[in-house]
Amino acid sequence: MSEPRISRDDVAHLAGLARIDLSEAELDRLGAELPSILGYVAEVQAVAGDDVEAMSHPIPVRNVFRPDVPTPSLAPADALAGAPAAEDDKFLVPQILGED
């Protein structure tokens, strides 16, 4: 299988699209490495048939977040007890935008 040809200009263009600032040395190095990487991707695509499900991770990932269930929390007075300033059960902060 022949490796795809990628010019240094192609690497610079891709880096620009990805908003990655690469040095001259990095452009040269990646220009040499990217054809091999694309070759490996092509090999994987060749063996992955229609019966292989696409996945975002090589191992199963499960949701590690707790259920979104309301639980008891601090009373407003307790939450505001250490605040430098409070008003109407809310933290009072200095105005910064000049708006009411």
PDB file of N, CA and C in Angstrom:
ATOM      1  N   MET A   1       0.850  -1.174   0.000  1.00  0.00           N
ATOM      2  CA  MET A   1       0.000   0.000   0.000  1.00  0.00           C
ATOM      3  C   MET A   1       0.895   1.236   0.000  1.00  0.00           C
ATOM      4  N   SER A   2       0.691   2.146  -0.935  1.00  0.00           N
ATOM      5  CA  SER A   2       1.523   3.336  -1.004  1.00  0.00           C
ATOM      6  C   SER A   2       0.991   4.392  -0.044  1.00  0.00           C
ATOM      7  N   GLU A   3       1.925   5.131   0.544  1.00  0.00           N
ATOM      8  CA  GLU A   3       1.537   6.177   1.485  1.00  0.00           C
ATOM      9  C   GLU A   3       1.090   7.414   0.723  1.00  0.00           C
ATOM     10  N   PRO A   4       0.092   8.099   1.213  1.00  0.00           N
ATOM     11  CA  PRO A   4      -0.353   9.326   0.561  1.00  0.00           C
ATOM     12  C   PRO A   4       0.750  10.380   0.613  1.00  0.00           C
ATOM     13  N   ARG A   5       0.794  11.228  -0.364  1.00  0.00           N
ATOM     14  CA  ARG A   5       1.786  12.293  -0.407  1.00  0.00           C
ATOM     15  C   ARG A   5       1.209  13.547   0.249  1.00  0.00           C
ATOM     16  N   ILE A   6       1.952  14.087   1.187  1.00  0.00           N
ATOM     17  CA  ILE A   6       1.537  15.302   1.875  1.00  0.00           C
ATOM     18  C   ILE A   6       2.706  16.276   1.823  1.00  0.00           C
ATOM     19  N   SER A   7       2.465  17.426   1.237  1.00  0.00           N
ATOM     20  CA  SER A   7       3.530  18.418   1.134  1.00  0.00           C
ATOM     21  C   SER A   7       3.628  19.220   2.430  1.00  0.00           C
ATOM     22  N   ARG A   8       4.731  19.915   2.573  1.00  0.00           N
ATOM     23  CA  ARG A   8       4.928  20.786   3.717  1.00  0.00           C
ATOM     24  C   ARG A   8       3.844  21.874   3.727  1.00  0.00           C
ATOM     25  N   ASP A   9       3.462  22.345   2.535  1.00  0.00           N
ATOM     26  CA  ASP A   9       2.399  23.344   2.434  1.00  0.00           C
ATOM     27  C   ASP A   9       1.060  22.782   2.915  1.00  0.00           C
ATOM     28  N   ASP A  10       0.802  21.479   2.628  1.00  0.00           N
ATOM     29  CA  ASP A  10      -0.417  20.838   3.117  1.00  0.00           C
ATOM     30  C   ASP A  10      -0.437  20.826   4.645  1.00  0.00           C
ATOM     31  N   VAL A  11       0.705  20.500   5.240  1.00  0.00           N
ATOM     32  CA  VAL A  11       0.802  20.471   6.702  1.00  0.00           C
ATOM     33  C   VAL A  11       0.558  21.871   7.269  1.00  0.00           C
ATOM     34  N   ALA A  12       1.154  22.880   6.654  1.00  0.00           N
ATOM     35  CA  ALA A  12       0.968  24.258   7.110  1.00  0.00           C
ATOM     36  C   ALA A  12      -0.504  24.675   6.976  1.00  0.00           C
ATOM     37  N   HIS A  13      -1.145  24.256   5.885  1.00  0.00           N
ATOM     38  CA  HIS A  13      -2.555  24.585   5.680  1.00  0.00           C
ATOM     39  C   HIS A  13      -3.424  23.918   6.752  1.00  0.00           C
ATOM     40  N   LEU A  14      -3.182  22.641   7.018  1.00  0.00           N
ATOM     41  CA  LEU A  14      -3.943  21.929   8.053  1.00  0.00           C
ATOM     42  C   LEU A  14      -3.722  22.557   9.425  1.00  0.00           C
ATOM     43  N   ALA A  15      -2.485  22.930   9.717  1.00  0.00           N
ATOM     44  CA  ALA A  15      -2.183  23.569  11.003  1.00  0.00           C
ATOM     45  C   ALA A  15      -2.948  24.888  11.116  1.00  0.00           C
ATOM     46  N   GLY A  16      -3.020  25.632  10.013  1.00  0.00           N
ATOM     47  CA  GLY A  16      -3.771  26.887  10.033  1.00  0.00           C
ATOM     48  C   GLY A  16      -5.252  26.660  10.275  1.00  0.00           C
ATOM     49  N   LEU A  17      -5.823  25.632   9.622  1.00  0.00           N
ATOM     50  CA  LEU A  17      -7.236  25.322   9.835  1.00  0.00           C
ATOM     51  C   LEU A  17      -7.521  24.941  11.283  1.00  0.00           C
ATOM     52  N   ALA A  18      -6.570  24.227  11.887  1.00  0.00           N
ATOM     53  CA  ALA A  18      -6.726  23.792  13.277  1.00  0.00           C
ATOM     54  C   ALA A  18      -6.282  24.867  14.266  1.00  0.00           C
ATOM     55  N   ARG A  19      -5.807  26.000  13.738  1.00  0.00           N
ATOM     56  CA  ARG A  19      -5.308  27.098  14.559  1.00  0.00           C
ATOM     57  C   ARG A  19      -4.190  26.638  15.482  1.00  0.00           C
ATOM     58  N   ILE A  20      -3.258  25.865  14.900  1.00  0.00           N
ATOM     59  CA  ILE A  20      -2.092  25.384  15.627  1.00  0.00           C
ATOM     60  C   ILE A  20      -0.870  26.086  15.041  1.00  0.00           C
ATOM     61  N   ASP A  21      -0.118  26.738  15.887  1.00  0.00           N
ATOM     62  CA  ASP A  21       1.079  27.446  15.446  1.00  0.00           C
ATOM     63  C   ASP A  21       2.256  26.472  15.499  1.00  0.00           C
ATOM     64  N   LEU A  22       2.767  26.073  14.333  1.00  0.00           N
ATOM     65  CA  LEU A  22       3.879  25.123  14.257  1.00  0.00           C
ATOM     66  C   LEU A  22       5.153  25.826  13.822  1.00  0.00           C
ATOM     67  N   SER A  23       6.260  25.416  14.423  1.00  0.00           N
ATOM     68  CA  SER A  23       7.557  25.953  14.019  1.00  0.00           C
ATOM     69  C   SER A  23       7.960  25.322  12.686  1.00  0.00           C
ATOM     70  N   GLU A  24       9.004  25.845  12.083  1.00  0.00           N
ATOM     71  CA  GLU A  24       9.508  25.300  10.820  1.00  0.00           C
ATOM     72  C   GLU A  24       9.917  23.837  11.005  1.00  0.00           C
ATOM     73  N   ALA A  25      10.577  23.545  12.119  1.00  0.00           N
ATOM     74  CA  ALA A  25      11.014  22.165  12.390  1.00  0.00           C
ATOM     75  C   ALA A  25       9.816  21.231  12.558  1.00  0.00           C
ATOM     76  N   GLU A  26       8.770  21.709  13.232  1.00  0.00           N
ATOM     77  CA  GLU A  26       7.572  20.885  13.429  1.00  0.00           C
ATOM     78  C   GLU A  26       6.862  20.623  12.102  1.00  0.00           C
ATOM     79  N   LEU A  27       6.824  21.621  11.232  1.00  0.00           N
ATOM     80  CA  LEU A  27       6.218  21.418   9.907  1.00  0.00           C
ATOM     81  C   LEU A  27       6.967  20.336   9.139  1.00  0.00           C
ATOM     82  N   ASP A  28       8.293  20.367   9.199  1.00  0.00           N
ATOM     83  CA  ASP A  28       9.092  19.357   8.500  1.00  0.00           C
ATOM     84  C   ASP A  28       8.869  17.969   9.091  1.00  0.00           C
ATOM     85  N   ARG A  29       8.870  17.883  10.421  1.00  0.00           N
ATOM     86  CA  ARG A  29       8.701  16.587  11.089  1.00  0.00           C
ATOM     87  C   ARG A  29       7.323  16.003  10.810  1.00  0.00           C
ATOM     88  N   LEU A  30       6.277  16.827  10.947  1.00  0.00           N
ATOM     89  CA  LEU A  30       4.925  16.331  10.702  1.00  0.00           C
ATOM     90  C   LEU A  30       4.706  15.995   9.233  1.00  0.00           C
ATOM     91  N   GLY A  31       5.353  16.723   8.348  1.00  0.00           N
ATOM     92  CA  GLY A  31       5.261  16.399   6.926  1.00  0.00           C
ATOM     93  C   GLY A  31       5.781  15.005   6.638  1.00  0.00           C
ATOM     94  N   ALA A  32       6.771  14.581   7.412  1.00  0.00           N
ATOM     95  CA  ALA A  32       7.324  13.231   7.246  1.00  0.00           C
ATOM     96  C   ALA A  32       6.474  12.175   7.957  1.00  0.00           C
ATOM     97  N   GLU A  33       5.817  12.537   9.069  1.00  0.00           N
ATOM     98  CA  GLU A  33       5.062  11.564   9.870  1.00  0.00           C
ATOM     99  C   GLU A  33       3.619  11.362   9.388  1.00  0.00           C
ATOM    100  N   LEU A  34       2.980  12.407   8.897  1.00  0.00           N
ATOM    101  CA  LEU A  34       1.567  12.300   8.525  1.00  0.00           C
ATOM    102  C   LEU A  34       1.267  11.243   7.465  1.00  0.00           C
ATOM    103  N   PRO A  35       2.099  11.056   6.445  1.00  0.00           N
ATOM    104  CA  PRO A  35       1.786   9.990   5.491  1.00  0.00           C
ATOM    105  C   PRO A  35       1.691   8.609   6.147  1.00  0.00           C
ATOM    106  N   SER A  36       2.570   8.330   7.098  1.00  0.00           N
ATOM    107  CA  SER A  36       2.505   7.044   7.804  1.00  0.00           C
ATOM    108  C   SER A  36       1.223   6.940   8.621  1.00  0.00           C
ATOM    109  N   ILE A  37       0.860   8.010   9.296  1.00  0.00           N
ATOM    110  CA  ILE A  37      -0.353   8.009  10.109  1.00  0.00           C
ATOM    111  C   ILE A  37      -1.568   7.762   9.228  1.00  0.00           C
ATOM    112  N   LEU A  38      -1.635   8.458   8.100  1.00  0.00           N
ATOM    113  CA  LEU A  38      -2.765   8.251   7.191  1.00  0.00           C
ATOM    114  C   LEU A  38      -2.771   6.838   6.619  1.00  0.00           C
ATOM    115  N   GLY A  39      -1.590   6.268   6.413  1.00  0.00           N
ATOM    116  CA  GLY A  39      -1.513   4.877   5.961  1.00  0.00           C
ATOM    117  C   GLY A  39      -2.107   3.927   6.985  1.00  0.00           C
ATOM    118  N   TYR A  40      -1.822   4.165   8.267  1.00  0.00           N
ATOM    119  CA  TYR A  40      -2.380   3.325   9.331  1.00  0.00           C
ATOM    120  C   TYR A  40      -3.899   3.467   9.390  1.00  0.00           C
ATOM    121  N   VAL A  41      -4.392   4.679   9.214  1.00  0.00           N
ATOM    122  CA  VAL A  41      -5.837   4.903   9.211  1.00  0.00           C
ATOM    123  C   VAL A  41      -6.473   4.140   8.052  1.00  0.00           C
ATOM    124  N   ALA A  42      -5.838   4.164   6.906  1.00  0.00           N
ATOM    125  CA  ALA A  42      -6.361   3.440   5.737  1.00  0.00           C
ATOM    126  C   ALA A  42      -6.398   1.932   5.997  1.00  0.00           C
ATOM    127  N   GLU A  43      -5.386   1.404   6.691  1.00  0.00           N
ATOM    128  CA  GLU A  43      -5.377  -0.027   7.026  1.00  0.00           C
ATOM    129  C   GLU A  43      -6.553  -0.380   7.930  1.00  0.00           C
ATOM    130  N   VAL A  44      -6.812   0.452   8.929  1.00  0.00           N
ATOM    131  CA  VAL A  44      -7.927   0.197   9.840  1.00  0.00           C
ATOM    132  C   VAL A  44      -9.247   0.270   9.085  1.00  0.00           C
ATOM    133  N   GLN A  45      -9.375   1.260   8.210  1.00  0.00           N
ATOM    134  CA  GLN A  45     -10.608   1.390   7.433  1.00  0.00           C
ATOM    135  C   GLN A  45     -10.815   0.184   6.528  1.00  0.00           C
ATOM    136  N   ALA A  46      -9.737  -0.397   6.034  1.00  0.00           N
ATOM    137  CA  ALA A  46      -9.851  -1.535   5.128  1.00  0.00           C
ATOM    138  C   ALA A  46     -10.410  -2.772   5.837  1.00  0.00           C
ATOM    139  N   VAL A  47     -10.073  -2.955   7.105  1.00  0.00           N
ATOM    140  CA  VAL A  47     -10.546  -4.142   7.818  1.00  0.00           C
ATOM    141  C   VAL A  47     -11.858  -3.912   8.546  1.00  0.00           C
ATOM    142  N   ALA A  48     -12.225  -2.664   8.753  1.00  0.00           N
ATOM    143  CA  ALA A  48     -13.472  -2.366   9.447  1.00  0.00           C
ATOM    144  C   ALA A  48     -14.617  -2.442   8.443  1.00  0.00           C
ATOM    145  N   GLY A  49     -15.349  -3.535   8.505  1.00  0.00           N
ATOM    146  CA  GLY A  49     -16.472  -3.726   7.590  1.00  0.00           C
ATOM    147  C   GLY A  49     -17.725  -3.042   8.087  1.00  0.00           C
ATOM    148  N   ASP A  50     -18.801  -3.248   7.349  1.00  0.00           N
ATOM    149  CA  ASP A  50     -20.077  -2.641   7.721  1.00  0.00           C
ATOM    150  C   ASP A  50     -20.615  -3.184   9.045  1.00  0.00           C
ATOM    151  N   ASP A  51     -20.144  -4.356   9.458  1.00  0.00           N
ATOM    152  CA  ASP A  51     -20.625  -4.951  10.702  1.00  0.00           C
ATOM    153  C   ASP A  51     -19.877  -4.425  11.929  1.00  0.00           C
ATOM    154  N   VAL A  52     -18.882  -3.564  11.724  1.00  0.00           N
ATOM    155  CA  VAL A  52     -18.134  -2.998  12.846  1.00  0.00           C
ATOM    156  C   VAL A  52     -18.734  -1.640  13.190  1.00  0.00           C
ATOM    157  N   GLU A  53     -19.232  -1.524  14.422  1.00  0.00           N
ATOM    158  CA  GLU A  53     -19.878  -0.292  14.854  1.00  0.00           C
ATOM    159  C   GLU A  53     -18.842   0.800  15.103  1.00  0.00           C
ATOM    160  N   ALA A  54     -19.133   1.995  14.632  1.00  0.00           N
ATOM    161  CA  ALA A  54     -18.247   3.135  14.875  1.00  0.00           C
ATOM    162  C   ALA A  54     -18.283   3.476  16.354  1.00  0.00           C
ATOM    163  N   MET A  55     -17.145   3.910  16.871  1.00  0.00           N
ATOM    164  CA  MET A  55     -17.074   4.258  18.285  1.00  0.00           C
ATOM    165  C   MET A  55     -16.156   5.450  18.480  1.00  0.00           C
ATOM    166  N   SER A  56     -16.372   6.167  19.559  1.00  0.00           N
ATOM    167  CA  SER A  56     -15.531   7.317  19.851  1.00  0.00           C
ATOM    168  C   SER A  56     -14.368   6.946  20.760  1.00  0.00           C
ATOM    169  N   HIS A  57     -14.469   5.806  21.454  1.00  0.00           N
ATOM    170  CA  HIS A  57     -13.422   5.364  22.366  1.00  0.00           C
ATOM    171  C   HIS A  57     -13.166   3.873  22.143  1.00  0.00           C
ATOM    172  N   PRO A  58     -11.916   3.438  22.345  1.00  0.00           N
ATOM    173  CA  PRO A  58     -11.618   2.018  22.136  1.00  0.00           C
ATOM    174  C   PRO A  58     -12.183   1.103  23.216  1.00  0.00           C
ATOM    175  N   ILE A  59     -12.556   1.669  24.354  1.00  0.00           N
ATOM    176  CA  ILE A  59     -13.158   0.869  25.422  1.00  0.00           C
ATOM    177  C   ILE A  59     -14.520   1.467  25.753  1.00  0.00           C
ATOM    178  N   PRO A  60     -15.455   0.672  26.271  1.00  0.00           N
ATOM    179  CA  PRO A  60     -16.773   1.219  26.608  1.00  0.00           C
ATOM    180  C   PRO A  60     -16.658   2.324  27.656  1.00  0.00           C
ATOM    181  N   VAL A  61     -17.398   3.373  27.470  1.00  0.00           N
ATOM    182  CA  VAL A  61     -17.403   4.498  28.396  1.00  0.00           C
ATOM    183  C   VAL A  61     -18.804   4.608  28.970  1.00  0.00           C
ATOM    184  N   ARG A  62     -18.874   4.787  30.273  1.00  0.00           N
ATOM    185  CA  ARG A  62     -20.180   4.931  30.890  1.00  0.00           C
ATOM    186  C   ARG A  62     -20.266   6.296  31.543  1.00  0.00           C
ATOM    187  N   ASN A  63     -21.469   6.748  31.739  1.00  0.00           N
ATOM    188  CA  ASN A  63     -21.697   8.021  32.381  1.00  0.00           C
ATOM    189  C   ASN A  63     -21.331   7.901  33.854  1.00  0.00           C
ATOM    190  N   VAL A  64     -20.417   8.723  34.305  1.00  0.00           N
ATOM    191  CA  VAL A  64     -19.981   8.653  35.699  1.00  0.00           C
ATOM    192  C   VAL A  64     -20.623   9.730  36.561  1.00  0.00           C
ATOM    193  N   PHE A  65     -21.559  10.469  36.002  1.00  0.00           N
ATOM    194  CA  PHE A  65     -22.228  11.505  36.763  1.00  0.00           C
ATOM    195  C   PHE A  65     -23.367  10.913  37.579  1.00  0.00           C
ATOM    196  N   ARG A  66     -23.642  11.537  38.692  1.00  0.00           N
ATOM    197  CA  ARG A  66     -24.754  11.085  39.523  1.00  0.00           C
ATOM    198  C   ARG A  66     -26.059  11.542  38.891  1.00  0.00           C
ATOM    199  N   PRO A  67     -27.151  10.909  39.233  1.00  0.00           N
ATOM    200  CA  PRO A  67     -28.446  11.364  38.714  1.00  0.00           C
ATOM    201  C   PRO A  67     -28.727  12.799  39.168  1.00  0.00           C
ATOM    202  N   ASP A  68     -29.405  13.551  38.348  1.00  0.00           N
ATOM    203  CA  ASP A  68     -29.741  14.935  38.675  1.00  0.00           C
ATOM    204  C   ASP A  68     -31.007  14.943  39.522  1.00  0.00           C
ATOM    205  N   VAL A  69     -30.798  14.775  40.820  1.00  0.00           N
ATOM    206  CA  VAL A  69     -31.909  14.689  41.767  1.00  0.00           C
ATOM    207  C   VAL A  69     -31.737  15.807  42.789  1.00  0.00           C
ATOM    208  N   PRO A  70     -32.784  16.592  43.043  1.00  0.00           N
ATOM    209  CA  PRO A  70     -32.665  17.654  44.046  1.00  0.00           C
ATOM    210  C   PRO A  70     -32.370  17.058  45.423  1.00  0.00           C
ATOM    211  N   THR A  71     -31.481  17.695  46.133  1.00  0.00           N
ATOM    212  CA  THR A  71     -31.146  17.274  47.493  1.00  0.00           C
ATOM    213  C   THR A  71     -31.170  18.508  48.391  1.00  0.00           C
ATOM    214  N   PRO A  72     -31.282  18.311  49.686  1.00  0.00           N
ATOM    215  CA  PRO A  72     -31.280  19.462  50.590  1.00  0.00           C
ATOM    216  C   PRO A  72     -29.979  20.248  50.447  1.00  0.00           C
ATOM    217  N   SER A  73     -30.077  21.563  50.536  1.00  0.00           N
ATOM    218  CA  SER A  73     -28.891  22.411  50.431  1.00  0.00           C
ATOM    219  C   SER A  73     -28.905  23.441  51.541  1.00  0.00           C
ATOM    220  N   LEU A  74     -27.969  24.353  51.505  1.00  0.00           N
ATOM    221  CA  LEU A  74     -27.876  25.379  52.540  1.00  0.00           C
ATOM    222  C   LEU A  74     -29.067  26.327  52.460  1.00  0.00           C
ATOM    223  N   ALA A  75     -29.463  26.792  53.601  1.00  0.00           N
ATOM    224  CA  ALA A  75     -30.468  27.857  53.644  1.00  0.00           C
ATOM    225  C   ALA A  75     -29.793  29.135  53.162  1.00  0.00           C
ATOM    226  N   PRO A  76     -30.533  30.048  52.540  1.00  0.00           N
ATOM    227  CA  PRO A  76     -29.909  31.286  52.051  1.00  0.00           C
ATOM    228  C   PRO A  76     -29.093  32.015  53.121  1.00  0.00           C
ATOM    229  N   ALA A  77     -29.586  32.065  54.329  1.00  0.00           N
ATOM    230  CA  ALA A  77     -28.849  32.762  55.396  1.00  0.00           C
ATOM    231  C   ALA A  77     -27.511  32.085  55.675  1.00  0.00           C
ATOM    232  N   ASP A  78     -27.479  30.749  55.652  1.00  0.00           N
ATOM    233  CA  ASP A  78     -26.227  30.026  55.871  1.00  0.00           C
ATOM    234  C   ASP A  78     -25.262  30.241  54.711  1.00  0.00           C
ATOM    235  N   ALA A  79     -25.786  30.224  53.482  1.00  0.00           N
ATOM    236  CA  ALA A  79     -24.932  30.410  52.316  1.00  0.00           C
ATOM    237  C   ALA A  79     -24.330  31.810  52.298  1.00  0.00           C
ATOM    238  N   LEU A  80     -25.071  32.795  52.759  1.00  0.00           N
ATOM    239  CA  LEU A  80     -24.613  34.181  52.721  1.00  0.00           C
ATOM    240  C   LEU A  80     -23.881  34.595  53.993  1.00  0.00           C
ATOM    241  N   ALA A  81     -23.751  33.695  54.951  1.00  0.00           N
ATOM    242  CA  ALA A  81     -23.152  34.047  56.241  1.00  0.00           C
ATOM    243  C   ALA A  81     -21.734  34.590  56.101  1.00  0.00           C
ATOM    244  N   GLY A  82     -20.959  34.086  55.179  1.00  0.00           N
ATOM    245  CA  GLY A  82     -19.579  34.550  55.037  1.00  0.00           C
ATOM    246  C   GLY A  82     -19.390  35.571  53.943  1.00  0.00           C
ATOM    247  N   ALA A  83     -20.473  35.997  53.314  1.00  0.00           N
ATOM    248  CA  ALA A  83     -20.370  36.950  52.209  1.00  0.00           C
ATOM    249  C   ALA A  83     -20.038  38.341  52.733  1.00  0.00           C
ATOM    250  N   PRO A  84     -19.187  39.080  52.018  1.00  0.00           N
ATOM    251  CA  PRO A  84     -18.881  40.446  52.442  1.00  0.00           C
ATOM    252  C   PRO A  84     -20.110  41.348  52.401  1.00  0.00           C
ATOM    253  N   ALA A  85     -21.026  41.076  51.453  1.00  0.00           N
ATOM    254  CA  ALA A  85     -22.241  41.888  51.349  1.00  0.00           C
ATOM    255  C   ALA A  85     -23.345  41.041  50.739  1.00  0.00           C
ATOM    256  N   ALA A  86     -24.583  41.281  51.217  1.00  0.00           N
ATOM    257  CA  ALA A  86     -25.738  40.551  50.698  1.00  0.00           C
ATOM    258  C   ALA A  86     -26.945  41.476  50.706  1.00  0.00           C
ATOM    259  N   GLU A  87     -27.872  41.165  49.800  1.00  0.00           N
ATOM    260  CA  GLU A  87     -29.106  41.948  49.733  1.00  0.00           C
ATOM    261  C   GLU A  87     -30.198  41.069  49.147  1.00  0.00           C
ATOM    262  N   ASP A  88     -31.358  41.034  49.773  1.00  0.00           N
ATOM    263  CA  ASP A  88     -32.503  40.246  49.309  1.00  0.00           C
ATOM    264  C   ASP A  88     -32.130  38.776  49.071  1.00  0.00           C
ATOM    265  N   ASP A  89     -31.438  38.168  50.029  1.00  0.00           N
ATOM    266  CA  ASP A  89     -31.016  36.761  49.943  1.00  0.00           C
ATOM    267  C   ASP A  89     -30.137  36.479  48.718  1.00  0.00           C
ATOM    268  N   LYS A  90     -29.344  37.466  48.293  1.00  0.00           N
ATOM    269  CA  LYS A  90     -28.424  37.297  47.164  1.00  0.00           C
ATOM    270  C   LYS A  90     -27.078  37.908  47.524  1.00  0.00           C
ATOM    271  N   PHE A  91     -26.010  37.390  46.898  1.00  0.00           N
ATOM    272  CA  PHE A  91     -24.707  37.999  47.060  1.00  0.00           C
ATOM    273  C   PHE A  91     -24.735  39.376  46.413  1.00  0.00           C
ATOM    274  N   LEU A  92     -24.168  40.360  47.075  1.00  0.00           N
ATOM    275  CA  LEU A  92     -24.097  41.712  46.527  1.00  0.00           C
ATOM    276  C   LEU A  92     -22.667  41.935  46.050  1.00  0.00           C
ATOM    277  N   VAL A  93     -22.525  42.229  44.769  1.00  0.00           N
ATOM    278  CA  VAL A  93     -21.194  42.431  44.187  1.00  0.00           C
ATOM    279  C   VAL A  93     -21.128  43.807  43.554  1.00  0.00           C
ATOM    280  N   PRO A  94     -19.942  44.340  43.391  1.00  0.00           N
ATOM    281  CA  PRO A  94     -19.811  45.670  42.796  1.00  0.00           C
ATOM    282  C   PRO A  94     -20.274  45.649  41.341  1.00  0.00           C
ATOM    283  N   GLN A  95     -20.918  46.750  40.944  1.00  0.00           N
ATOM    284  CA  GLN A  95     -21.366  46.890  39.567  1.00  0.00           C
ATOM    285  C   GLN A  95     -20.149  47.128  38.674  1.00  0.00           C
ATOM    286  N   ILE A  96     -20.068  46.401  37.527  1.00  0.00           N
ATOM    287  CA  ILE A  96     -18.894  46.559  36.661  1.00  0.00           C
ATOM    288  C   ILE A  96     -19.259  47.011  35.250  1.00  0.00           C
ATOM    289  N   LEU A  97     -20.502  46.891  34.855  1.00  0.00           N
ATOM    290  CA  LEU A  97     -20.872  47.209  33.482  1.00  0.00           C
ATOM    291  C   LEU A  97     -21.608  48.531  33.337  1.00  0.00           C
ATOM    292  N   GLY A  98     -21.859  49.186  34.420  1.00  0.00           N
ATOM    293  CA  GLY A  98     -22.564  50.462  34.333  1.00  0.00           C
ATOM    294  C   GLY A  98     -24.032  50.315  34.005  1.00  0.00           C
ATOM    295  N   GLU A  99     -24.604  49.161  34.279  1.00  0.00           N
ATOM    296  CA  GLU A  99     -26.022  48.916  34.009  1.00  0.00           C
ATOM    297  C   GLU A  99     -26.748  48.709  35.320  1.00  0.00           C
ATOM    298  N   ASP A 100     -28.049  48.921  35.310  1.00  0.00           N
ATOM    299  CA  ASP A 100     -28.845  48.669  36.513  1.00  0.00           C
ATOM    300  C   ASP A 100     -29.293  47.234  36.578  1.00  0.00           C
TER     301      ASP A 100
END
